Amino acid sequence: MLTQKVFNKIISLKFVPDSELEGTVIANQRFKAEDLTLNPNFFVQGLSEGQFGIENAVALWLEYQQLGLMDSGFGNKRSVFEQFQHDHFK
């Protein structure tokens, strides 16, 4: 669950943390930035449909991916996020 304290820690960062080199831990879990680009369940973890919502977050991920901003060097995961979107919102 993304608490206000954890959220404040994340937004205070000046760069994407590298958990392998820095041992970054957020919400008692190792943070691996690439998981945000690879795993839709991780990407939406802690979000609800209130306010911005999961559906909007996934749509924004797909928009950013189209702009080339979600390339973490582990292959194109667009179809994984599209399938997640289809399974949950269509």
N, C-alpha and C. Protein backbone atom coordinates (compact mmCIF):
# COMPACT_ATOMS: atom_id res chain seq x y z
N MET A 1 0.84 -1.18 0.00
CA MET A 1 0.00 0.00 0.00
C MET A 1 0.88 1.23 0.00
N LEU A 2 0.55 2.17 -0.81
CA LEU A 2 1.30 3.41 -0.91
C LEU A 2 0.74 4.41 0.09
N THR A 3 1.47 4.60 1.18
CA THR A 3 1.04 5.54 2.21
C THR A 3 1.52 6.94 1.86
N GLN A 4 1.01 7.92 2.57
CA GLN A 4 1.44 9.30 2.35
C GLN A 4 2.93 9.45 2.62
N LYS A 5 3.43 8.78 3.65
CA LYS A 5 4.86 8.85 3.98
C LYS A 5 5.71 8.29 2.84
N VAL A 6 5.31 7.14 2.30
CA VAL A 6 6.05 6.53 1.19
C VAL A 6 5.95 7.41 -0.05
N PHE A 7 4.77 7.94 -0.33
CA PHE A 7 4.58 8.82 -1.48
C PHE A 7 5.48 10.04 -1.37
N ASN A 8 5.54 10.64 -0.18
CA ASN A 8 6.39 11.81 0.03
C ASN A 8 7.86 11.48 -0.20
N LYS A 9 8.29 10.28 0.20
CA LYS A 9 9.67 9.87 -0.03
C LYS A 9 9.94 9.75 -1.52
N ILE A 10 9.02 9.16 -2.24
CA ILE A 10 9.20 8.97 -3.69
C ILE A 10 9.29 10.32 -4.40
N ILE A 11 8.38 11.23 -4.10
CA ILE A 11 8.40 12.50 -4.82
C ILE A 11 9.55 13.40 -4.41
N SER A 12 10.19 13.11 -3.28
CA SER A 12 11.34 13.91 -2.86
C SER A 12 12.62 13.52 -3.58
N LEU A 13 12.61 12.37 -4.27
CA LEU A 13 13.80 11.90 -4.95
C LEU A 13 14.12 12.78 -6.15
N LYS A 14 15.39 12.97 -6.42
CA LYS A 14 15.83 13.81 -7.53
C LYS A 14 16.13 12.99 -8.78
N PHE A 15 16.12 11.66 -8.66
CA PHE A 15 16.40 10.76 -9.78
C PHE A 15 15.78 9.41 -9.47
N VAL A 16 15.70 8.55 -10.47
CA VAL A 16 15.15 7.21 -10.26
C VAL A 16 16.16 6.40 -9.46
N PRO A 17 15.76 5.86 -8.33
CA PRO A 17 16.71 5.11 -7.51
C PRO A 17 17.14 3.81 -8.16
N ASP A 18 18.35 3.40 -7.86
CA ASP A 18 18.90 2.15 -8.36
C ASP A 18 19.02 1.19 -7.17
N SER A 19 18.09 0.26 -7.05
CA SER A 19 18.05 -0.59 -5.86
C SER A 19 19.26 -1.51 -5.76
N GLU A 20 19.84 -1.88 -6.88
CA GLU A 20 21.00 -2.78 -6.84
C GLU A 20 22.22 -2.08 -6.25
N LEU A 21 22.43 -0.83 -6.64
CA LEU A 21 23.61 -0.10 -6.17
C LEU A 21 23.36 0.59 -4.84
N GLU A 22 22.16 1.10 -4.64
CA GLU A 22 21.88 1.92 -3.48
C GLU A 22 21.08 1.20 -2.40
N GLY A 23 20.57 0.03 -2.71
CA GLY A 23 19.76 -0.68 -1.73
C GLY A 23 18.48 0.05 -1.39
N THR A 24 17.88 0.70 -2.38
CA THR A 24 16.68 1.49 -2.14
C THR A 24 15.53 0.59 -1.70
N VAL A 25 14.92 0.95 -0.59
CA VAL A 25 13.78 0.22 -0.06
C VAL A 25 12.63 1.20 0.10
N ILE A 26 11.49 0.88 -0.48
CA ILE A 26 10.28 1.69 -0.35
C ILE A 26 9.17 0.75 0.09
N ALA A 27 8.48 1.12 1.14
CA ALA A 27 7.40 0.30 1.71
C ALA A 27 7.88 -1.09 2.04
N ASN A 28 9.07 -1.16 2.64
CA ASN A 28 9.68 -2.42 3.08
C ASN A 28 9.96 -3.41 1.95
N GLN A 29 10.05 -2.92 0.74
CA GLN A 29 10.38 -3.77 -0.40
C GLN A 29 11.48 -3.10 -1.21
N ARG A 30 12.34 -3.93 -1.81
CA ARG A 30 13.35 -3.39 -2.72
C ARG A 30 12.63 -2.72 -3.88
N PHE A 31 13.08 -1.54 -4.22
CA PHE A 31 12.50 -0.82 -5.35
C PHE A 31 13.38 -1.03 -6.57
N LYS A 32 12.79 -1.54 -7.61
CA LYS A 32 13.47 -1.71 -8.89
C LYS A 32 12.70 -0.91 -9.92
N ALA A 33 13.30 0.17 -10.36
CA ALA A 33 12.62 1.10 -11.26
C ALA A 33 12.08 0.41 -12.50
N GLU A 34 12.81 -0.59 -12.99
CA GLU A 34 12.35 -1.24 -14.22
C GLU A 34 11.01 -1.95 -14.05
N ASP A 35 10.64 -2.30 -12.81
CA ASP A 35 9.34 -2.93 -12.59
C ASP A 35 8.20 -2.01 -13.00
N LEU A 36 8.42 -0.70 -12.94
CA LEU A 36 7.40 0.25 -13.37
C LEU A 36 7.16 0.18 -14.87
N THR A 37 8.13 -0.32 -15.61
CA THR A 37 8.00 -0.42 -17.06
C THR A 37 7.66 -1.83 -17.52
N LEU A 38 7.75 -2.80 -16.63
CA LEU A 38 7.57 -4.20 -17.01
C LEU A 38 6.28 -4.83 -16.51
N ASN A 39 5.79 -4.39 -15.37
CA ASN A 39 4.74 -5.11 -14.67
C ASN A 39 3.57 -4.20 -14.35
N PRO A 40 2.44 -4.35 -15.04
CA PRO A 40 1.30 -3.47 -14.78
C PRO A 40 0.77 -3.58 -13.36
N ASN A 41 0.84 -4.77 -12.76
CA ASN A 41 0.35 -4.91 -11.39
C ASN A 41 1.21 -4.10 -10.42
N PHE A 42 2.52 -4.09 -10.64
CA PHE A 42 3.41 -3.28 -9.82
C PHE A 42 3.17 -1.80 -10.08
N PHE A 43 2.98 -1.45 -11.35
CA PHE A 43 2.79 -0.06 -11.74
C PHE A 43 1.57 0.56 -11.05
N VAL A 44 0.50 -0.20 -10.89
CA VAL A 44 -0.73 0.35 -10.31
C VAL A 44 -0.89 0.01 -8.83
N GLN A 45 0.10 -0.65 -8.24
CA GLN A 45 0.03 -1.04 -6.84
C GLN A 45 -0.23 0.19 -5.96
N GLY A 46 -1.24 0.08 -5.12
CA GLY A 46 -1.58 1.18 -4.21
C GLY A 46 -2.57 2.18 -4.77
N LEU A 47 -2.89 2.09 -6.05
CA LEU A 47 -3.86 3.01 -6.65
C LEU A 47 -5.26 2.44 -6.50
N SER A 48 -6.23 3.32 -6.48
CA SER A 48 -7.63 2.90 -6.51
C SER A 48 -8.30 3.62 -7.67
N GLU A 49 -9.54 3.33 -7.90
CA GLU A 49 -10.25 3.99 -9.00
C GLU A 49 -10.70 5.40 -8.63
N GLY A 50 -10.53 5.79 -7.38
CA GLY A 50 -10.84 7.16 -7.00
C GLY A 50 -9.79 8.10 -7.54
N GLN A 51 -10.10 9.37 -7.65
CA GLN A 51 -9.20 10.41 -8.14
C GLN A 51 -8.62 10.02 -9.50
N PHE A 52 -7.29 9.90 -9.59
CA PHE A 52 -6.66 9.61 -10.89
C PHE A 52 -7.01 8.22 -11.37
N GLY A 53 -6.87 7.22 -10.56
CA GLY A 53 -7.32 5.87 -10.84
C GLY A 53 -6.41 5.00 -11.66
N ILE A 54 -6.64 3.71 -11.53
CA ILE A 54 -5.84 2.69 -12.22
C ILE A 54 -5.99 2.79 -13.72
N GLU A 55 -7.22 2.95 -14.18
CA GLU A 55 -7.46 3.00 -15.62
C GLU A 55 -6.70 4.16 -16.26
N ASN A 56 -6.73 5.31 -15.63
CA ASN A 56 -6.00 6.47 -16.16
C ASN A 56 -4.49 6.27 -16.09
N ALA A 57 -4.01 5.62 -15.03
CA ALA A 57 -2.57 5.36 -14.88
C ALA A 57 -2.07 4.46 -16.01
N VAL A 58 -2.83 3.43 -16.33
CA VAL A 58 -2.43 2.51 -17.40
C VAL A 58 -2.49 3.22 -18.75
N ALA A 59 -3.51 4.03 -18.96
CA ALA A 59 -3.62 4.80 -20.21
C ALA A 59 -2.43 5.76 -20.35
N LEU A 60 -2.02 6.37 -19.25
CA LEU A 60 -0.87 7.27 -19.29
C LEU A 60 0.41 6.48 -19.56
N TRP A 61 0.55 5.29 -18.96
CA TRP A 61 1.71 4.44 -19.24
C TRP A 61 1.80 4.16 -20.74
N LEU A 62 0.66 3.80 -21.35
CA LEU A 62 0.64 3.49 -22.79
C LEU A 62 1.01 4.72 -23.62
N GLU A 63 0.55 5.88 -23.20
CA GLU A 63 0.90 7.12 -23.90
C GLU A 63 2.41 7.38 -23.79
N TYR A 64 2.95 7.24 -22.59
CA TYR A 64 4.39 7.45 -22.38
C TYR A 64 5.21 6.42 -23.15
N GLN A 65 4.73 5.20 -23.22
CA GLN A 65 5.44 4.15 -23.96
C GLN A 65 5.51 4.51 -25.43
N GLN A 66 4.42 5.03 -25.96
CA GLN A 66 4.38 5.43 -27.37
C GLN A 66 5.39 6.54 -27.65
N LEU A 67 5.66 7.36 -26.65
CA LEU A 67 6.64 8.44 -26.78
C LEU A 67 8.06 7.97 -26.53
N GLY A 68 8.20 6.69 -26.17
CA GLY A 68 9.53 6.12 -25.93
C GLY A 68 10.05 6.32 -24.52
N LEU A 69 9.18 6.72 -23.60
CA LEU A 69 9.62 7.03 -22.24
C LEU A 69 9.59 5.83 -21.29
N MET A 70 9.06 4.70 -21.72
CA MET A 70 8.95 3.54 -20.83
C MET A 70 9.88 2.41 -21.26
N ASP A 71 10.89 2.72 -22.03
CA ASP A 71 11.85 1.72 -22.49
C ASP A 71 12.94 1.54 -21.45
N SER A 72 12.90 0.42 -20.75
CA SER A 72 13.90 0.14 -19.71
C SER A 72 14.97 -0.82 -20.20
N GLY A 73 14.91 -1.15 -21.49
CA GLY A 73 15.92 -2.05 -22.05
C GLY A 73 15.60 -3.52 -21.87
N PHE A 74 14.38 -3.84 -21.44
CA PHE A 74 13.97 -5.23 -21.22
C PHE A 74 12.89 -5.67 -22.20
N GLY A 75 12.84 -5.02 -23.35
CA GLY A 75 11.86 -5.39 -24.36
C GLY A 75 10.61 -4.54 -24.29
N ASN A 76 9.85 -4.59 -25.35
CA ASN A 76 8.62 -3.83 -25.47
C ASN A 76 7.51 -4.54 -24.69
N LYS A 77 6.99 -3.90 -23.67
CA LYS A 77 5.94 -4.49 -22.82
C LYS A 77 4.58 -3.88 -23.08
N ARG A 78 4.45 -3.16 -24.19
CA ARG A 78 3.16 -2.52 -24.50
C ARG A 78 2.02 -3.53 -24.50
N SER A 79 2.23 -4.68 -25.11
CA SER A 79 1.15 -5.68 -25.20
C SER A 79 0.74 -6.18 -23.82
N VAL A 80 1.67 -6.25 -22.88
CA VAL A 80 1.35 -6.69 -21.51
C VAL A 80 0.42 -5.67 -20.85
N PHE A 81 0.73 -4.38 -21.02
CA PHE A 81 -0.10 -3.33 -20.44
C PHE A 81 -1.44 -3.21 -21.17
N GLU A 82 -1.45 -3.41 -22.48
CA GLU A 82 -2.71 -3.41 -23.22
C GLU A 82 -3.60 -4.57 -22.78
N GLN A 83 -3.01 -5.74 -22.55
CA GLN A 83 -3.79 -6.89 -22.08
C GLN A 83 -4.34 -6.62 -20.69
N PHE A 84 -3.54 -6.03 -19.82
CA PHE A 84 -4.00 -5.65 -18.47
C PHE A 84 -5.18 -4.70 -18.58
N GLN A 85 -5.05 -3.70 -19.44
CA GLN A 85 -6.13 -2.73 -19.66
C GLN A 85 -7.39 -3.43 -20.17
N HIS A 86 -7.23 -4.31 -21.13
CA HIS A 86 -8.36 -5.05 -21.69
C HIS A 86 -9.04 -5.91 -20.63
N ASP A 87 -8.24 -6.63 -19.85
CA ASP A 87 -8.77 -7.55 -18.84
C ASP A 87 -9.52 -6.82 -17.72
N HIS A 88 -9.11 -5.60 -17.42
CA HIS A 88 -9.67 -4.90 -16.27
C HIS A 88 -10.69 -3.81 -16.62
N PHE A 89 -10.66 -3.29 -17.84
CA PHE A 89 -11.48 -2.12 -18.13
C PHE A 89 -12.30 -2.19 -19.39
N LYS A 90 -12.22 -3.23 -20.16
CA LYS A 90 -12.99 -3.29 -21.40
C LYS A 90 -14.08 -4.32 -21.29
